[in-house]
Amino acid sequence: MGKLTYHSGTKVDLEDRVLAHLQVVIANKLRRGESFVFTWRDDVSVGEGRTSVWLSPSLAISFKYYGSRPPTLNRAWIEALAVTANSPSGLHIVPEPPEDTAPRAGDDVP
């Protein structure tokens, strides 16, 4: 179980595997200077519902992993998360697709 902490002190506990994929998507957008909304469902322990935060390159965010080894990344999942991050509703967690569903560089796209 990992933890994402937003500059205001807002924290969300996420599985290390989910957090690792989110970190790639968030870092890529912030590296490009893009701001966006990230929304997640709250745990029952904090009242359920959902929380949204505005992520911007000027705001601090940290990723804390509790596992000792980095998870293997699924490129298809990173791409699916990136699609949500580029949508009007912003980044949100989607189910992990099978790894072989992402188009590869040089593949013919219909």
PDB file of N, CA and C in Angstrom:
ATOM      1  N   MET A   1       0.852  -1.175   0.000  1.00  0.00           N
ATOM      2  CA  MET A   1       0.000   0.000   0.000  1.00  0.00           C
ATOM      3  C   MET A   1       0.895   1.234   0.000  1.00  0.00           C
ATOM      4  N   GLY A   2       0.699   2.113  -0.960  1.00  0.00           N
ATOM      5  CA  GLY A   2       1.467   3.347  -1.041  1.00  0.00           C
ATOM      6  C   GLY A   2       0.605   4.537  -0.661  1.00  0.00           C
ATOM      7  N   LYS A   3       1.215   5.705  -0.705  1.00  0.00           N
ATOM      8  CA  LYS A   3       0.494   6.922  -0.319  1.00  0.00           C
ATOM      9  C   LYS A   3       0.899   8.061  -1.241  1.00  0.00           C
ATOM     10  N   LEU A   4      -0.108   8.738  -1.800  1.00  0.00           N
ATOM     11  CA  LEU A   4       0.113   9.951  -2.574  1.00  0.00           C
ATOM     12  C   LEU A   4      -0.255  11.105  -1.655  1.00  0.00           C
ATOM     13  N   THR A   5       0.657  12.069  -1.513  1.00  0.00           N
ATOM     14  CA  THR A   5       0.404  13.234  -0.661  1.00  0.00           C
ATOM     15  C   THR A   5       0.470  14.497  -1.509  1.00  0.00           C
ATOM     16  N   TYR A   6      -0.573  15.288  -1.418  1.00  0.00           N
ATOM     17  CA  TYR A   6      -0.704  16.541  -2.154  1.00  0.00           C
ATOM     18  C   TYR A   6      -0.226  17.681  -1.264  1.00  0.00           C
ATOM     19  N   HIS A   7       0.198  18.766  -1.835  1.00  0.00           N
ATOM     20  CA  HIS A   7       0.829  19.866  -1.096  1.00  0.00           C
ATOM     21  C   HIS A   7      -0.006  20.385   0.079  1.00  0.00           C
ATOM     22  N   SER A   8      -1.321  20.276   0.004  1.00  0.00           N
ATOM     23  CA  SER A   8      -2.182  20.790   1.078  1.00  0.00           C
ATOM     24  C   SER A   8      -2.238  19.837   2.272  1.00  0.00           C
ATOM     25  N   GLY A   9      -1.612  18.684   2.138  1.00  0.00           N
ATOM     26  CA  GLY A   9      -1.676  17.682   3.186  1.00  0.00           C
ATOM     27  C   GLY A   9      -2.697  16.594   2.896  1.00  0.00           C
ATOM     28  N   THR A  10      -3.446  16.752   1.805  1.00  0.00           N
ATOM     29  CA  THR A  10      -4.392  15.719   1.401  1.00  0.00           C
ATOM     30  C   THR A  10      -3.611  14.459   1.047  1.00  0.00           C
ATOM     31  N   LYS A  11      -4.073  13.321   1.570  1.00  0.00           N
ATOM     32  CA  LYS A  11      -3.392  12.050   1.318  1.00  0.00           C
ATOM     33  C   LYS A  11      -4.396  11.018   0.848  1.00  0.00           C
ATOM     34  N   VAL A  12      -3.919  10.116   0.009  1.00  0.00           N
ATOM     35  CA  VAL A  12      -4.740   8.988  -0.413  1.00  0.00           C
ATOM     36  C   VAL A  12      -3.860   7.744  -0.407  1.00  0.00           C
ATOM     37  N   ASP A  13      -4.385   6.671   0.183  1.00  0.00           N
ATOM     38  CA  ASP A  13      -3.694   5.386   0.183  1.00  0.00           C
ATOM     39  C   ASP A  13      -4.090   4.625  -1.070  1.00  0.00           C
ATOM     40  N   LEU A  14      -3.086   4.124  -1.778  1.00  0.00           N
ATOM     41  CA  LEU A  14      -3.299   3.368  -3.008  1.00  0.00           C
ATOM     42  C   LEU A  14      -2.349   2.181  -3.024  1.00  0.00           C
ATOM     43  N   GLU A  15      -2.741   1.117  -3.677  1.00  0.00           N
ATOM     44  CA  GLU A  15      -1.837  -0.012  -3.858  1.00  0.00           C
ATOM     45  C   GLU A  15      -0.594   0.483  -4.594  1.00  0.00           C
ATOM     46  N   ASP A  16       0.575  -0.067  -4.240  1.00  0.00           N
ATOM     47  CA  ASP A  16       1.824   0.350  -4.879  1.00  0.00           C
ATOM     48  C   ASP A  16       1.752   0.269  -6.403  1.00  0.00           C
ATOM     49  N   ARG A  17       1.115  -0.773  -6.920  1.00  0.00           N
ATOM     50  CA  ARG A  17       1.030  -0.937  -8.371  1.00  0.00           C
ATOM     51  C   ARG A  17       0.228   0.193  -9.011  1.00  0.00           C
ATOM     52  N   VAL A  18      -0.889   0.553  -8.430  1.00  0.00           N
ATOM     53  CA  VAL A  18      -1.699   1.672  -8.929  1.00  0.00           C
ATOM     54  C   VAL A  18      -0.890   2.958  -8.834  1.00  0.00           C
ATOM     55  N   LEU A  19      -0.256   3.174  -7.688  1.00  0.00           N
ATOM     56  CA  LEU A  19       0.506   4.405  -7.459  1.00  0.00           C
ATOM     57  C   LEU A  19       1.647   4.553  -8.463  1.00  0.00           C
ATOM     58  N   ALA A  20       2.332   3.469  -8.781  1.00  0.00           N
ATOM     59  CA  ALA A  20       3.442   3.525  -9.732  1.00  0.00           C
ATOM     60  C   ALA A  20       2.957   3.966 -11.112  1.00  0.00           C
ATOM     61  N   HIS A  21       1.806   3.467 -11.534  1.00  0.00           N
ATOM     62  CA  HIS A  21       1.269   3.850 -12.835  1.00  0.00           C
ATOM     63  C   HIS A  21       0.805   5.312 -12.827  1.00  0.00           C
ATOM     64  N   LEU A  22       0.169   5.719 -11.740  1.00  0.00           N
ATOM     65  CA  LEU A  22      -0.246   7.120 -11.617  1.00  0.00           C
ATOM     66  C   LEU A  22       0.964   8.052 -11.624  1.00  0.00           C
ATOM     67  N   GLN A  23       2.033   7.645 -10.956  1.00  0.00           N
ATOM     68  CA  GLN A  23       3.231   8.484 -10.898  1.00  0.00           C
ATOM     69  C   GLN A  23       3.777   8.758 -12.291  1.00  0.00           C
ATOM     70  N   VAL A  24       3.797   7.759 -13.142  1.00  0.00           N
ATOM     71  CA  VAL A  24       4.293   7.953 -14.514  1.00  0.00           C
ATOM     72  C   VAL A  24       3.429   8.973 -15.250  1.00  0.00           C
ATOM     73  N   VAL A  25       2.115   8.813 -15.169  1.00  0.00           N
ATOM     74  CA  VAL A  25       1.197   9.714 -15.884  1.00  0.00           C
ATOM     75  C   VAL A  25       1.293  11.129 -15.319  1.00  0.00           C
ATOM     76  N   ILE A  26       1.262  11.257 -14.006  1.00  0.00           N
ATOM     77  CA  ILE A  26       1.323  12.578 -13.368  1.00  0.00           C
ATOM     78  C   ILE A  26       2.651  13.256 -13.676  1.00  0.00           C
ATOM     79  N   ALA A  27       3.746  12.535 -13.539  1.00  0.00           N
ATOM     80  CA  ALA A  27       5.071  13.125 -13.799  1.00  0.00           C
ATOM     81  C   ALA A  27       5.189  13.580 -15.252  1.00  0.00           C
ATOM     82  N   ASN A  28       4.679  12.788 -16.176  1.00  0.00           N
ATOM     83  CA  ASN A  28       4.749  13.176 -17.593  1.00  0.00           C
ATOM     84  C   ASN A  28       3.978  14.458 -17.854  1.00  0.00           C
ATOM     85  N   LYS A  29       2.793  14.583 -17.307  1.00  0.00           N
ATOM     86  CA  LYS A  29       2.012  15.807 -17.526  1.00  0.00           C
ATOM     87  C   LYS A  29       2.671  17.017 -16.868  1.00  0.00           C
ATOM     88  N   LEU A  30       3.133  16.858 -15.635  1.00  0.00           N
ATOM     89  CA  LEU A  30       3.756  17.983 -14.937  1.00  0.00           C
ATOM     90  C   LEU A  30       5.076  18.383 -15.602  1.00  0.00           C
ATOM     91  N   ARG A  31       5.807  17.405 -16.108  1.00  0.00           N
ATOM     92  CA  ARG A  31       7.073  17.696 -16.804  1.00  0.00           C
ATOM     93  C   ARG A  31       6.817  18.561 -18.035  1.00  0.00           C
ATOM     94  N   ARG A  32       5.661  18.366 -18.660  1.00  0.00           N
ATOM     95  CA  ARG A  32       5.298  19.172 -19.837  1.00  0.00           C
ATOM     96  C   ARG A  32       4.658  20.501 -19.449  1.00  0.00           C
ATOM     97  N   GLY A  33       4.568  20.776 -18.150  1.00  0.00           N
ATOM     98  CA  GLY A  33       3.997  22.034 -17.679  1.00  0.00           C
ATOM     99  C   GLY A  33       2.480  22.054 -17.705  1.00  0.00           C
ATOM    100  N   GLU A  34       1.851  20.891 -17.762  1.00  0.00           N
ATOM    101  CA  GLU A  34       0.392  20.816 -17.844  1.00  0.00           C
ATOM    102  C   GLU A  34      -0.227  20.663 -16.457  1.00  0.00           C
ATOM    103  N   SER A  35      -1.255  21.433 -16.197  1.00  0.00           N
ATOM    104  CA  SER A  35      -2.041  21.316 -14.973  1.00  0.00           C
ATOM    105  C   SER A  35      -3.306  20.529 -15.287  1.00  0.00           C
ATOM    106  N   PHE A  36      -3.840  19.814 -14.306  1.00  0.00           N
ATOM    107  CA  PHE A  36      -5.021  18.992 -14.533  1.00  0.00           C
ATOM    108  C   PHE A  36      -5.631  18.575 -13.199  1.00  0.00           C
ATOM    109  N   VAL A  37      -6.840  18.021 -13.252  1.00  0.00           N
ATOM    110  CA  VAL A  37      -7.551  17.536 -12.067  1.00  0.00           C
ATOM    111  C   VAL A  37      -7.286  16.040 -11.909  1.00  0.00           C
ATOM    112  N   PHE A  38      -7.094  15.606 -10.664  1.00  0.00           N
ATOM    113  CA  PHE A  38      -7.002  14.182 -10.338  1.00  0.00           C
ATOM    114  C   PHE A  38      -8.094  13.878  -9.320  1.00  0.00           C
ATOM    115  N   THR A  39      -8.935  12.905  -9.628  1.00  0.00           N
ATOM    116  CA  THR A  39     -10.061  12.530  -8.770  1.00  0.00           C
ATOM    117  C   THR A  39      -9.951  11.067  -8.394  1.00  0.00           C
ATOM    118  N   TRP A  40     -10.250  10.769  -7.123  1.00  0.00           N
ATOM    119  CA  TRP A  40     -10.275   9.380  -6.678  1.00  0.00           C
ATOM    120  C   TRP A  40     -11.446   9.167  -5.736  1.00  0.00           C
ATOM    121  N   ARG A  41     -11.822   7.899  -5.597  1.00  0.00           N
ATOM    122  CA  ARG A  41     -12.875   7.528  -4.645  1.00  0.00           C
ATOM    123  C   ARG A  41     -12.255   7.398  -3.269  1.00  0.00           C
ATOM    124  N   ASP A  42     -12.920   7.992  -2.293  1.00  0.00           N
ATOM    125  CA  ASP A  42     -12.429   7.932  -0.919  1.00  0.00           C
ATOM    126  C   ASP A  42     -12.764   6.590  -0.278  1.00  0.00           C
ATOM    127  N   ASP A  43     -11.911   6.189   0.631  1.00  0.00           N
ATOM    128  CA  ASP A  43     -12.124   4.972   1.397  1.00  0.00           C
ATOM    129  C   ASP A  43     -13.243   5.198   2.417  1.00  0.00           C
ATOM    130  N   VAL A  44     -13.897   4.131   2.810  1.00  0.00           N
ATOM    131  CA  VAL A  44     -14.952   4.199   3.813  1.00  0.00           C
ATOM    132  C   VAL A  44     -14.439   4.866   5.092  1.00  0.00           C
ATOM    133  N   SER A  45     -13.161   4.646   5.425  1.00  0.00           N
ATOM    134  CA  SER A  45     -12.596   5.197   6.663  1.00  0.00           C
ATOM    135  C   SER A  45     -12.564   6.727   6.685  1.00  0.00           C
ATOM    136  N   VAL A  46     -12.648   7.362   5.506  1.00  0.00           N
ATOM    137  CA  VAL A  46     -12.660   8.829   5.457  1.00  0.00           C
ATOM    138  C   VAL A  46     -13.997   9.361   4.953  1.00  0.00           C
ATOM    139  N   GLY A  47     -15.021   8.505   5.006  1.00  0.00           N
ATOM    140  CA  GLY A  47     -16.362   8.973   4.675  1.00  0.00           C
ATOM    141  C   GLY A  47     -16.840   8.694   3.279  1.00  0.00           C
ATOM    142  N   GLU A  48     -16.170   7.823   2.574  1.00  0.00           N
ATOM    143  CA  GLU A  48     -16.526   7.482   1.198  1.00  0.00           C
ATOM    144  C   GLU A  48     -16.522   8.729   0.325  1.00  0.00           C
ATOM    145  N   GLY A  49     -17.386   8.787  -0.670  1.00  0.00           N
ATOM    146  CA  GLY A  49     -17.408   9.936  -1.572  1.00  0.00           C
ATOM    147  C   GLY A  49     -16.209   9.937  -2.499  1.00  0.00           C
ATOM    148  N   ARG A  50     -15.807  11.121  -2.910  1.00  0.00           N
ATOM    149  CA  ARG A  50     -14.639  11.253  -3.779  1.00  0.00           C
ATOM    150  C   ARG A  50     -13.938  12.561  -3.493  1.00  0.00           C
ATOM    151  N   THR A  51     -12.689  12.626  -3.871  1.00  0.00           N
ATOM    152  CA  THR A  51     -11.880  13.821  -3.684  1.00  0.00           C
ATOM    153  C   THR A  51     -11.246  14.181  -5.021  1.00  0.00           C
ATOM    154  N   SER A  52     -11.196  15.467  -5.327  1.00  0.00           N
ATOM    155  CA  SER A  52     -10.506  15.965  -6.522  1.00  0.00           C
ATOM    156  C   SER A  52      -9.495  17.005  -6.089  1.00  0.00           C
ATOM    157  N   VAL A  53      -8.317  16.963  -6.703  1.00  0.00           N
ATOM    158  CA  VAL A  53      -7.288  17.976  -6.456  1.00  0.00           C
ATOM    159  C   VAL A  53      -6.790  18.497  -7.794  1.00  0.00           C
ATOM    160  N   TRP A  54      -6.377  19.743  -7.801  1.00  0.00           N
ATOM    161  CA  TRP A  54      -5.801  20.378  -8.975  1.00  0.00           C
ATOM    162  C   TRP A  54      -4.297  20.154  -8.904  1.00  0.00           C
ATOM    163  N   LEU A  55      -3.736  19.467  -9.897  1.00  0.00           N
ATOM    164  CA  LEU A  55      -2.298  19.220  -9.936  1.00  0.00           C
ATOM    165  C   LEU A  55      -1.654  20.206 -10.896  1.00  0.00           C
ATOM    166  N   SER A  56      -0.592  20.827 -10.437  1.00  0.00           N
ATOM    167  CA  SER A  56       0.100  21.848 -11.202  1.00  0.00           C
ATOM    168  C   SER A  56       1.594  21.696 -10.969  1.00  0.00           C
ATOM    169  N   PRO A  57       2.424  22.042 -11.968  1.00  0.00           N
ATOM    170  CA  PRO A  57       3.868  21.922 -11.797  1.00  0.00           C
ATOM    171  C   PRO A  57       4.413  22.725 -10.608  1.00  0.00           C
ATOM    172  N   SER A  58       3.685  23.734 -10.154  1.00  0.00           N
ATOM    173  CA  SER A  58       4.186  24.569  -9.059  1.00  0.00           C
ATOM    174  C   SER A  58       3.806  24.040  -7.675  1.00  0.00           C
ATOM    175  N   LEU A  59       3.042  22.944  -7.623  1.00  0.00           N
ATOM    176  CA  LEU A  59       2.590  22.402  -6.341  1.00  0.00           C
ATOM    177  C   LEU A  59       3.311  21.099  -6.026  1.00  0.00           C
ATOM    178  N   ALA A  60       3.615  20.906  -4.754  1.00  0.00           N
ATOM    179  CA  ALA A  60       4.340  19.701  -4.332  1.00  0.00           C
ATOM    180  C   ALA A  60       3.406  18.497  -4.254  1.00  0.00           C
ATOM    181  N   ILE A  61       3.921  17.365  -4.689  1.00  0.00           N
ATOM    182  CA  ILE A  61       3.216  16.089  -4.581  1.00  0.00           C
ATOM    183  C   ILE A  61       4.277  15.034  -4.294  1.00  0.00           C
ATOM    184  N   SER A  62       3.938  14.082  -3.441  1.00  0.00           N
ATOM    185  CA  SER A  62       4.912  13.023  -3.158  1.00  0.00           C
ATOM    186  C   SER A  62       4.258  11.656  -3.298  1.00  0.00           C
ATOM    187  N   PHE A  63       5.077  10.671  -3.606  1.00  0.00           N
ATOM    188  CA  PHE A  63       4.652   9.294  -3.785  1.00  0.00           C
ATOM    189  C   PHE A  63       5.457   8.441  -2.807  1.00  0.00           C
ATOM    190  N   LYS A  64       4.786   7.818  -1.859  1.00  0.00           N
ATOM    191  CA  LYS A  64       5.445   6.981  -0.855  1.00  0.00           C
ATOM    192  C   LYS A  64       5.048   5.535  -1.104  1.00  0.00           C
ATOM    193  N   TYR A  65       6.053   4.693  -1.327  1.00  0.00           N
ATOM    194  CA  TYR A  65       5.806   3.270  -1.555  1.00  0.00           C
ATOM    195  C   TYR A  65       6.211   2.495  -0.313  1.00  0.00           C
ATOM    196  N   TYR A  66       5.405   1.509   0.032  1.00  0.00           N
ATOM    197  CA  TYR A  66       5.714   0.689   1.197  1.00  0.00           C
ATOM    198  C   TYR A  66       6.356  -0.622   0.799  1.00  0.00           C
ATOM    199  N   GLY A  67       6.235  -1.015  -0.454  1.00  0.00           N
ATOM    200  CA  GLY A  67       6.898  -2.219  -0.942  1.00  0.00           C
ATOM    201  C   GLY A  67       8.359  -1.921  -1.245  1.00  0.00           C
ATOM    202  N   SER A  68       9.193  -2.941  -1.171  1.00  0.00           N
ATOM    203  CA  SER A  68      10.628  -2.730  -1.395  1.00  0.00           C
ATOM    204  C   SER A  68      11.014  -2.797  -2.864  1.00  0.00           C
ATOM    205  N   ARG A  69      10.166  -3.382  -3.712  1.00  0.00           N
ATOM    206  CA  ARG A  69      10.498  -3.501  -5.134  1.00  0.00           C
ATOM    207  C   ARG A  69       9.490  -2.739  -5.983  1.00  0.00           C
ATOM    208  N   PRO A  70       9.982  -2.048  -7.014  1.00  0.00           N
ATOM    209  CA  PRO A  70       9.037  -1.354  -7.899  1.00  0.00           C
ATOM    210  C   PRO A  70       8.217  -2.357  -8.705  1.00  0.00           C
ATOM    211  N   PRO A  71       6.932  -2.101  -8.860  1.00  0.00           N
ATOM    212  CA  PRO A  71       6.096  -3.014  -9.649  1.00  0.00           C
ATOM    213  C   PRO A  71       6.443  -2.924 -11.135  1.00  0.00           C
ATOM    214  N   THR A  72       6.160  -3.983 -11.853  1.00  0.00           N
ATOM    215  CA  THR A  72       6.300  -3.968 -13.306  1.00  0.00           C
ATOM    216  C   THR A  72       5.203  -3.079 -13.869  1.00  0.00           C
ATOM    217  N   LEU A  73       5.569  -2.220 -14.804  1.00  0.00           N
ATOM    218  CA  LEU A  73       4.590  -1.295 -15.376  1.00  0.00           C
ATOM    219  C   LEU A  73       3.923  -1.883 -16.610  1.00  0.00           C
ATOM    220  N   ASN A  74       2.642  -1.628 -16.736  1.00  0.00           N
ATOM    221  CA  ASN A  74       1.828  -2.056 -17.862  1.00  0.00           C
ATOM    222  C   ASN A  74       1.607  -0.836 -18.754  1.00  0.00           C
ATOM    223  N   ARG A  75       2.235  -0.843 -19.913  1.00  0.00           N
ATOM    224  CA  ARG A  75       2.154   0.305 -20.815  1.00  0.00           C
ATOM    225  C   ARG A  75       0.718   0.626 -21.219  1.00  0.00           C
ATOM    226  N   ALA A  76      -0.088  -0.418 -21.414  1.00  0.00           N
ATOM    227  CA  ALA A  76      -1.491  -0.189 -21.789  1.00  0.00           C
ATOM    228  C   ALA A  76      -2.240   0.561 -20.692  1.00  0.00           C
ATOM    229  N   TRP A  77      -1.934   0.260 -19.448  1.00  0.00           N
ATOM    230  CA  TRP A  77      -2.599   0.943 -18.333  1.00  0.00           C
ATOM    231  C   TRP A  77      -2.141   2.390 -18.255  1.00  0.00           C
ATOM    232  N   ILE A  78      -0.847   2.623 -18.442  1.00  0.00           N
ATOM    233  CA  ILE A  78      -0.325   4.001 -18.447  1.00  0.00           C
ATOM    234  C   ILE A  78      -1.035   4.808 -19.525  1.00  0.00           C
ATOM    235  N   GLU A  79      -1.186   4.213 -20.697  1.00  0.00           N
ATOM    236  CA  GLU A  79      -1.853   4.927 -21.793  1.00  0.00           C
ATOM    237  C   GLU A  79      -3.328   5.169 -21.484  1.00  0.00           C
ATOM    238  N   ALA A  80      -3.998   4.198 -20.869  1.00  0.00           N
ATOM    239  CA  ALA A  80      -5.412   4.379 -20.510  1.00  0.00           C
ATOM    240  C   ALA A  80      -5.565   5.483 -19.467  1.00  0.00           C
ATOM    241  N   LEU A  81      -4.679   5.519 -18.496  1.00  0.00           N
ATOM    242  CA  LEU A  81      -4.711   6.583 -17.479  1.00  0.00           C
ATOM    243  C   LEU A  81      -4.412   7.942 -18.114  1.00  0.00           C
ATOM    244  N   ALA A  82      -3.465   7.976 -19.049  1.00  0.00           N
ATOM    245  CA  ALA A  82      -3.111   9.232 -19.724  1.00  0.00           C
ATOM    246  C   ALA A  82      -4.302   9.784 -20.510  1.00  0.00           C
ATOM    247  N   VAL A  83      -5.096   8.896 -21.101  1.00  0.00           N
ATOM    248  CA  VAL A  83      -6.293   9.341 -21.825  1.00  0.00           C
ATOM    249  C   VAL A  83      -7.231  10.065 -20.869  1.00  0.00           C
ATOM    250  N   THR A  84      -7.433   9.511 -19.661  1.00  0.00           N
ATOM    251  CA  THR A  84      -8.318  10.188 -18.711  1.00  0.00           C
ATOM    252  C   THR A  84      -7.711  11.513 -18.269  1.00  0.00           C
ATOM    253  N   ALA A  85      -6.388  11.540 -18.076  1.00  0.00           N
ATOM    254  CA  ALA A  85      -5.733  12.776 -17.629  1.00  0.00           C
ATOM    255  C   ALA A  85      -5.880  13.892 -18.653  1.00  0.00           C
ATOM    256  N   ASN A  86      -6.006  13.527 -19.922  1.00  0.00           N
ATOM    257  CA  ASN A  86      -6.161  14.522 -20.987  1.00  0.00           C
ATOM    258  C   ASN A  86      -7.616  14.840 -21.295  1.00  0.00           C
ATOM    259  N   SER A  87      -8.539  14.246 -20.556  1.00  0.00           N
ATOM    260  CA  SER A  87      -9.960  14.485 -20.796  1.00  0.00           C
ATOM    261  C   SER A  87     -10.445  15.670 -19.959  1.00  0.00           C
ATOM    262  N   PRO A  88     -11.605  16.230 -20.296  1.00  0.00           N
ATOM    263  CA  PRO A  88     -12.137  17.358 -19.515  1.00  0.00           C
ATOM    264  C   PRO A  88     -12.372  17.018 -18.039  1.00  0.00           C
ATOM    265  N   SER A  89     -12.701  15.755 -17.730  1.00  0.00           N
ATOM    266  CA  SER A  89     -12.948  15.380 -16.329  1.00  0.00           C
ATOM    267  C   SER A  89     -11.668  15.104 -15.556  1.00  0.00           C
ATOM    268  N   GLY A  90     -10.542  14.972 -16.238  1.00  0.00           N
ATOM    269  CA  GLY A  90      -9.260  14.799 -15.567  1.00  0.00           C
ATOM    270  C   GLY A  90      -8.919  13.355 -15.247  1.00  0.00           C
ATOM    271  N   LEU A  91      -7.753  13.183 -14.645  1.00  0.00           N
ATOM    272  CA  LEU A  91      -7.217  11.868 -14.305  1.00  0.00           C
ATOM    273  C   LEU A  91      -8.069  11.179 -13.261  1.00  0.00           C
ATOM    274  N   HIS A  92      -8.396   9.935 -13.528  1.00  0.00           N
ATOM    275  CA  HIS A  92      -9.043   9.076 -12.551  1.00  0.00           C
ATOM    276  C   HIS A  92      -8.598   7.642 -12.814  1.00  0.00           C
ATOM    277  N   ILE A  93      -8.692   6.816 -11.813  1.00  0.00           N
ATOM    278  CA  ILE A  93      -8.204   5.445 -11.914  1.00  0.00           C
ATOM    279  C   ILE A  93      -9.195   4.611 -12.705  1.00  0.00           C
ATOM    280  N   VAL A  94      -8.679   3.933 -13.715  1.00  0.00           N
ATOM    281  CA  VAL A  94      -9.476   3.017 -14.531  1.00  0.00           C
ATOM    282  C   VAL A  94      -8.939   1.607 -14.327  1.00  0.00           C
ATOM    283  N   PRO A  95      -9.739   0.594 -14.604  1.00  0.00           N
ATOM    284  CA  PRO A  95      -9.253  -0.783 -14.437  1.00  0.00           C
ATOM    285  C   PRO A  95      -8.041  -1.063 -15.328  1.00  0.00           C
ATOM    286  N   GLU A  96      -7.166  -1.922 -14.847  1.00  0.00           N
ATOM    287  CA  GLU A  96      -5.976  -2.273 -15.616  1.00  0.00           C
ATOM    288  C   GLU A  96      -6.352  -3.170 -16.789  1.00  0.00           C
ATOM    289  N   PRO A  97      -6.013  -2.733 -18.022  1.00  0.00           N
ATOM    290  CA  PRO A  97      -6.285  -3.575 -19.191  1.00  0.00           C
ATOM    291  C   PRO A  97      -5.186  -4.632 -19.346  1.00  0.00           C
ATOM    292  N   PRO A  98      -5.445  -5.657 -20.161  1.00  0.00           N
ATOM    293  CA  PRO A  98      -4.368  -6.604 -20.453  1.00  0.00           C
ATOM    294  C   PRO A  98      -3.188  -5.865 -21.067  1.00  0.00           C
ATOM    295  N   GLU A  99      -1.987  -6.309 -20.768  1.00  0.00           N
ATOM    296  CA  GLU A  99      -0.791  -5.590 -21.197  1.00  0.00           C
ATOM    297  C   GLU A  99      -0.630  -5.505 -22.703  1.00  0.00           C
ATOM    298  N   ASP A 100      -1.124  -6.459 -23.437  1.00  0.00           N
ATOM    299  CA  ASP A 100      -0.897  -6.464 -24.877  1.00  0.00           C
ATOM    300  C   ASP A 100      -1.901  -5.651 -25.681  1.00  0.00           C
ATOM    301  N   THR A 101      -2.729  -4.817 -25.026  1.00  0.00           N
ATOM    302  CA  THR A 101      -3.725  -4.037 -25.756  1.00  0.00           C
ATOM    303  C   THR A 101      -3.213  -2.684 -26.226  1.00  0.00           C
ATOM    304  N   ALA A 102      -2.027  -2.277 -25.775  1.00  0.00           N
ATOM    305  CA  ALA A 102      -1.495  -0.970 -26.187  1.00  0.00           C
ATOM    306  C   ALA A 102      -0.833  -1.089 -27.553  1.00  0.00           C
ATOM    307  N   PRO A 103      -1.098  -0.113 -28.453  1.00  0.00           N
ATOM    308  CA  PRO A 103      -0.396  -0.149 -29.733  1.00  0.00           C
ATOM    309  C   PRO A 103       1.096   0.073 -29.520  1.00  0.00           C
ATOM    310  N   ARG A 104       1.903  -0.614 -30.265  1.00  0.00           N
ATOM    311  CA  ARG A 104       3.356  -0.489 -30.177  1.00  0.00           C
ATOM    312  C   ARG A 104       3.823   0.490 -31.245  1.00  0.00           C
ATOM    313  N   ALA A 105       4.953   1.143 -30.988  1.00  0.00           N
ATOM    314  CA  ALA A 105       5.528   2.065 -31.968  1.00  0.00           C
ATOM    315  C   ALA A 105       5.726   1.322 -33.275  1.00  0.00           C
ATOM    316  N   GLY A 106       5.290   1.930 -34.351  1.00  0.00           N
ATOM    317  CA  GLY A 106       5.452   1.318 -35.672  1.00  0.00           C
ATOM    318  C   GLY A 106       4.301   0.422 -36.072  1.00  0.00           C
ATOM    319  N   ASP A 107       3.375   0.122 -35.130  1.00  0.00           N
ATOM    320  CA  ASP A 107       2.207  -0.687 -35.484  1.00  0.00           C
ATOM    321  C   ASP A 107       1.301   0.122 -36.397  1.00  0.00           C
ATOM    322  N   ASP A 108       0.643  -0.563 -37.333  1.00  0.00           N
ATOM    323  CA  ASP A 108      -0.332   0.104 -38.170  1.00  0.00           C
ATOM    324  C   ASP A 108      -1.570   0.385 -37.352  1.00  0.00           C
ATOM    325  N   VAL A 109      -2.021   1.620 -37.384  1.00  0.00           N
ATOM    326  CA  VAL A 109      -3.223   2.008 -36.669  1.00  0.00           C
ATOM    327  C   VAL A 109      -4.305   2.244 -37.708  1.00  0.00           C
ATOM    328  N   PRO A 110      -5.448   1.545 -37.592  1.00  0.00           N
ATOM    329  CA  PRO A 110      -6.512   1.711 -38.604  1.00  0.00           C
ATOM    330  C   PRO A 110      -7.063   3.117 -38.637  1.00  0.00           C
TER     331      PRO A 110
END
